[in-house]
Amino acid sequence: MKQNNLFKFIITGGIIILALAVGGFYYWSEFIIQKNVTLNPSTGMTITLGTPDGDMPSIKKELIKTTTKITKRIPTGVYLVIFSSQDKLTEIKTVNLTEDTTIETPQLQYSTARLDKTLDTDRLNIHSVAYRYASNDDYKITSEQLLGSADWYVAKLTPNNSNRDTLKIILHKVNNSWIVAAKPAIALWVDDYQAIPQDIIRAANKLGFY
């Protein structure tokens, strides 16, 4: 009789220990090694998340791909996130998932094709502003670029009279209107224009001095 009771006690204890082990493993796998990741793409954007392919900037195994907000539980670790759109430059970044994380779409630059198309559409408006600071009687725009999210414009103003200097100008689109961010100058210096991104200033200077 005592042996039967001892056997039942051992069996019951074993079942309890097994249940605790299973429950502990479930808790560990669900709440310790897995975290919530929320992908929240902006309109027209696609966010893709997956495991990196070694040192290559590409995804080996795709886990999530979405154009709408979505939340999933995935193991902690290092992942590659790709932000893409039909008319913007693709951006890739690495995410080390150690806690619940929300991934938003960063500010992406437009593709060259989109920028060229937008410039064709908005060229008259842009030129009307630029020529207020350098009359088209004295200068003509001989080289120009639209940059960023189609909100920065750089141009080279070539003089009609060879005795004048070639100038650079930068315009910025604010509240759907173009304004001059850097007045015509032979060269533009980063320290003089803290409100203008450095890559925009460099792009203007690269248009040349002749």
Protein backbone atom coordinates (compact mmCIF):
# COMPACT_ATOMS: atom_id res chain seq x y z
CA MET A 1 0.00 0.00 0.00
CA LYS A 2 2.79 2.32 0.98
CA GLN A 3 4.62 1.46 -2.23
CA ASN A 4 1.54 2.38 -4.30
CA ASN A 5 1.29 5.73 -2.53
CA LEU A 6 4.98 6.37 -3.09
CA PHE A 7 4.61 5.48 -6.76
CA LYS A 8 1.63 7.85 -7.12
CA PHE A 9 3.60 10.59 -5.35
CA ILE A 10 6.54 10.14 -7.71
CA ILE A 11 4.28 10.13 -10.77
CA THR A 12 2.41 13.24 -9.59
CA GLY A 13 5.64 15.01 -8.79
CA GLY A 14 7.04 14.13 -12.17
CA ILE A 15 3.97 15.48 -13.91
CA ILE A 16 4.19 18.73 -11.95
CA ILE A 17 7.88 19.13 -12.73
CA LEU A 18 7.24 18.42 -16.42
CA ALA A 19 4.40 20.93 -16.49
CA LEU A 20 6.59 23.55 -14.86
CA ALA A 21 9.37 22.82 -17.33
CA VAL A 22 7.02 23.10 -20.32
CA GLY A 23 5.49 26.27 -18.92
CA GLY A 24 8.91 27.74 -18.23
CA PHE A 25 10.10 26.94 -21.74
CA TYR A 26 6.95 28.50 -23.21
CA TYR A 27 7.45 31.65 -21.12
CA TRP A 28 11.12 31.81 -22.08
CA SER A 29 10.44 31.33 -25.80
CA GLU A 30 7.45 33.69 -25.93
CA PHE A 31 8.51 36.52 -23.64
CA ILE A 32 12.28 36.32 -23.38
CA ILE A 33 13.63 35.29 -26.78
CA GLN A 34 10.69 36.63 -28.83
CA LYS A 35 9.67 40.27 -29.12
CA ASN A 36 6.99 42.27 -30.90
CA VAL A 37 8.15 44.06 -34.03
CA THR A 38 5.76 46.55 -35.63
CA LEU A 39 6.33 47.66 -39.22
CA ASN A 40 4.56 50.91 -40.06
CA PRO A 41 5.21 51.94 -43.69
CA SER A 42 4.04 55.32 -44.93
CA THR A 43 1.73 55.60 -47.92
CA GLY A 44 3.22 54.04 -51.05
CA MET A 45 6.07 52.40 -49.14
CA THR A 46 6.97 48.73 -48.64
CA ILE A 47 8.92 47.50 -45.62
CA THR A 48 10.62 44.12 -45.83
CA LEU A 49 12.27 42.45 -42.81
CA GLY A 50 14.41 39.35 -42.87
CA THR A 51 17.64 37.69 -41.83
CA PRO A 52 20.80 39.14 -43.40
CA ASP A 53 22.75 37.21 -46.01
CA GLY A 54 26.12 37.28 -44.26
CA ASP A 55 27.88 40.59 -44.87
CA MET A 56 25.91 41.24 -48.04
CA PRO A 57 23.31 44.06 -48.01
CA SER A 58 20.55 41.62 -48.91
CA ILE A 59 18.00 39.43 -47.18
CA LYS A 60 18.63 35.69 -46.96
CA LYS A 61 15.23 34.75 -45.51
CA GLU A 62 12.25 37.07 -45.75
CA LEU A 63 10.08 37.10 -42.61
CA ILE A 64 7.75 40.05 -43.14
CA LYS A 65 6.86 42.16 -46.17
CA THR A 66 4.08 44.71 -45.89
CA THR A 67 2.61 47.94 -47.23
CA THR A 68 0.37 48.40 -44.18
CA LYS A 69 0.98 48.50 -40.42
CA ILE A 70 1.54 45.03 -38.97
CA THR A 71 2.84 43.55 -35.70
CA LYS A 72 4.46 40.13 -35.34
CA ARG A 73 6.45 38.25 -32.72
CA ILE A 74 9.86 37.13 -33.86
CA PRO A 75 13.02 35.92 -32.07
CA THR A 76 15.49 38.49 -30.81
CA GLY A 77 18.51 39.01 -33.03
CA VAL A 78 19.92 41.03 -35.91
CA TYR A 79 17.69 41.66 -38.93
CA LEU A 80 17.89 43.54 -42.19
CA VAL A 81 15.11 46.02 -43.03
CA ILE A 82 14.55 47.28 -46.58
CA PHE A 83 12.45 50.38 -47.31
CA SER A 84 11.33 50.59 -50.94
CA SER A 85 8.98 52.54 -53.17
CA GLN A 86 8.35 52.91 -56.86
CA ASP A 87 9.62 56.50 -57.04
CA LYS A 88 12.09 56.71 -54.14
CA LEU A 89 15.58 55.41 -53.53
CA THR A 90 15.71 52.13 -51.63
CA GLU A 91 17.23 52.30 -48.14
CA ILE A 92 18.59 49.37 -46.14
CA LYS A 93 19.35 49.34 -42.44
CA THR A 94 20.24 46.82 -39.75
CA VAL A 95 18.08 46.37 -36.66
CA ASN A 96 19.21 44.59 -33.50
CA LEU A 97 15.95 43.39 -31.97
CA THR A 98 16.31 43.18 -28.17
CA GLU A 99 12.93 44.60 -27.13
CA ASP A 100 9.50 45.39 -28.55
CA THR A 101 10.23 47.69 -31.49
CA THR A 102 8.32 49.85 -33.97
CA ILE A 103 9.97 50.52 -37.34
CA GLU A 104 8.77 53.61 -39.19
CA THR A 105 9.58 54.70 -42.74
CA PRO A 106 12.57 57.10 -42.80
CA GLN A 107 12.73 60.18 -45.00
CA LEU A 108 13.70 58.75 -48.39
CA GLN A 109 15.04 60.65 -51.36
CA TYR A 110 13.25 60.51 -54.69
CA SER A 111 14.71 58.51 -57.54
CA THR A 112 16.49 60.38 -60.34
CA ALA A 113 13.61 59.66 -62.73
CA ARG A 114 11.07 61.10 -60.28
CA LEU A 115 13.24 64.17 -59.62
CA ASP A 116 13.71 64.85 -63.35
CA LYS A 117 9.98 64.50 -63.98
CA THR A 118 9.13 66.86 -61.11
CA LEU A 119 11.68 69.41 -62.32
CA ASP A 120 10.13 69.40 -65.79
CA THR A 121 6.75 70.13 -64.21
CA ASP A 122 7.94 72.84 -61.82
CA ARG A 123 10.73 74.44 -63.86
CA LEU A 124 8.87 77.66 -64.76
CA ASN A 125 7.96 78.35 -61.13
CA ILE A 126 11.53 77.66 -59.99
CA HIS A 127 13.11 79.84 -62.68
CA SER A 128 10.78 82.74 -61.92
CA VAL A 129 12.11 82.77 -58.34
CA ALA A 130 15.77 82.22 -59.26
CA TYR A 131 15.83 85.02 -61.84
CA ARG A 132 14.64 87.53 -59.26
CA TYR A 133 18.12 87.35 -57.77
CA ALA A 134 20.04 87.08 -61.05
CA SER A 135 18.28 88.69 -63.97
CA ASN A 136 17.95 86.58 -67.08
CA ASP A 137 19.23 89.65 -68.95
CA ASP A 138 22.58 89.04 -67.28
CA TYR A 139 22.55 85.29 -66.54
CA LYS A 140 21.10 82.07 -67.77
CA ILE A 141 20.65 78.78 -65.96
CA THR A 142 22.96 76.32 -67.69
CA SER A 143 22.93 73.46 -65.18
CA GLU A 144 20.35 72.50 -62.58
CA GLN A 145 19.24 69.67 -60.30
CA LEU A 146 16.30 68.83 -58.09
CA LEU A 147 17.38 66.96 -54.96
CA GLY A 148 16.14 65.31 -51.77
CA SER A 149 12.40 64.80 -51.75
CA ALA A 150 12.04 67.22 -54.66
CA ASP A 151 12.26 70.06 -52.15
CA TRP A 152 15.79 71.32 -52.88
CA TYR A 153 16.98 72.91 -56.12
CA VAL A 154 20.53 73.84 -57.12
CA ALA A 155 21.58 75.66 -60.26
CA LYS A 156 24.55 77.24 -62.01
CA LEU A 157 24.02 80.74 -63.36
CA THR A 158 26.27 81.44 -66.30
CA PRO A 159 26.79 85.13 -67.20
CA ASN A 160 25.92 86.41 -70.63
CA ASN A 161 28.94 88.73 -70.29
CA SER A 162 32.25 86.91 -69.92
CA ASN A 163 33.47 89.61 -67.53
CA ARG A 164 31.09 88.33 -64.83
CA ASP A 165 31.55 85.32 -62.56
CA THR A 166 29.57 82.10 -62.76
CA LEU A 167 27.27 81.83 -59.73
CA LYS A 168 25.49 79.10 -57.75
CA ILE A 169 22.03 79.38 -56.21
CA ILE A 170 19.97 77.13 -53.94
CA LEU A 171 16.19 77.13 -53.60
CA HIS A 172 14.08 75.31 -51.03
CA LYS A 173 10.42 74.34 -51.27
CA VAL A 174 8.56 75.34 -48.10
CA ASN A 175 4.78 75.03 -47.70
CA ASN A 176 4.51 74.26 -51.42
CA SER A 177 6.32 77.46 -52.43
CA TRP A 178 9.89 77.96 -53.64
CA ILE A 179 12.13 80.35 -51.73
CA VAL A 180 15.81 81.21 -52.11
CA ALA A 181 17.86 79.45 -49.42
CA ALA A 182 21.26 80.63 -50.68
CA LYS A 183 21.53 83.73 -52.83
CA PRO A 184 23.72 83.64 -55.95
CA ALA A 185 27.41 83.34 -55.07
CA ILE A 186 30.61 82.15 -56.70
CA ALA A 187 30.95 79.41 -54.09
CA LEU A 188 28.76 78.34 -51.17
CA TRP A 189 30.30 77.48 -47.81
CA VAL A 190 28.77 75.01 -45.36
CA ASP A 191 29.49 77.24 -42.34
CA ASP A 192 27.51 80.10 -43.88
CA TYR A 193 24.35 78.05 -44.40
CA GLN A 194 23.61 75.97 -41.30
CA ALA A 195 19.98 75.42 -42.34
CA ILE A 196 20.94 73.79 -45.65
CA PRO A 197 22.01 70.10 -45.67
CA GLN A 198 25.69 69.76 -46.48
CA ASP A 199 25.06 67.39 -49.38
CA ILE A 200 22.86 70.04 -51.02
CA ILE A 201 25.64 72.65 -50.75
CA ARG A 202 28.17 70.20 -52.15
CA ALA A 203 25.85 69.41 -55.06
CA ALA A 204 25.57 73.12 -55.89
CA ASN A 205 29.34 73.63 -55.85
CA LYS A 206 29.88 70.57 -58.01
CA LEU A 207 28.00 72.23 -60.86
CA GLY A 208 31.27 73.94 -61.73
CA PHE A 209 32.75 77.42 -61.88
CA TYR A 210 32.77 77.95 -65.66
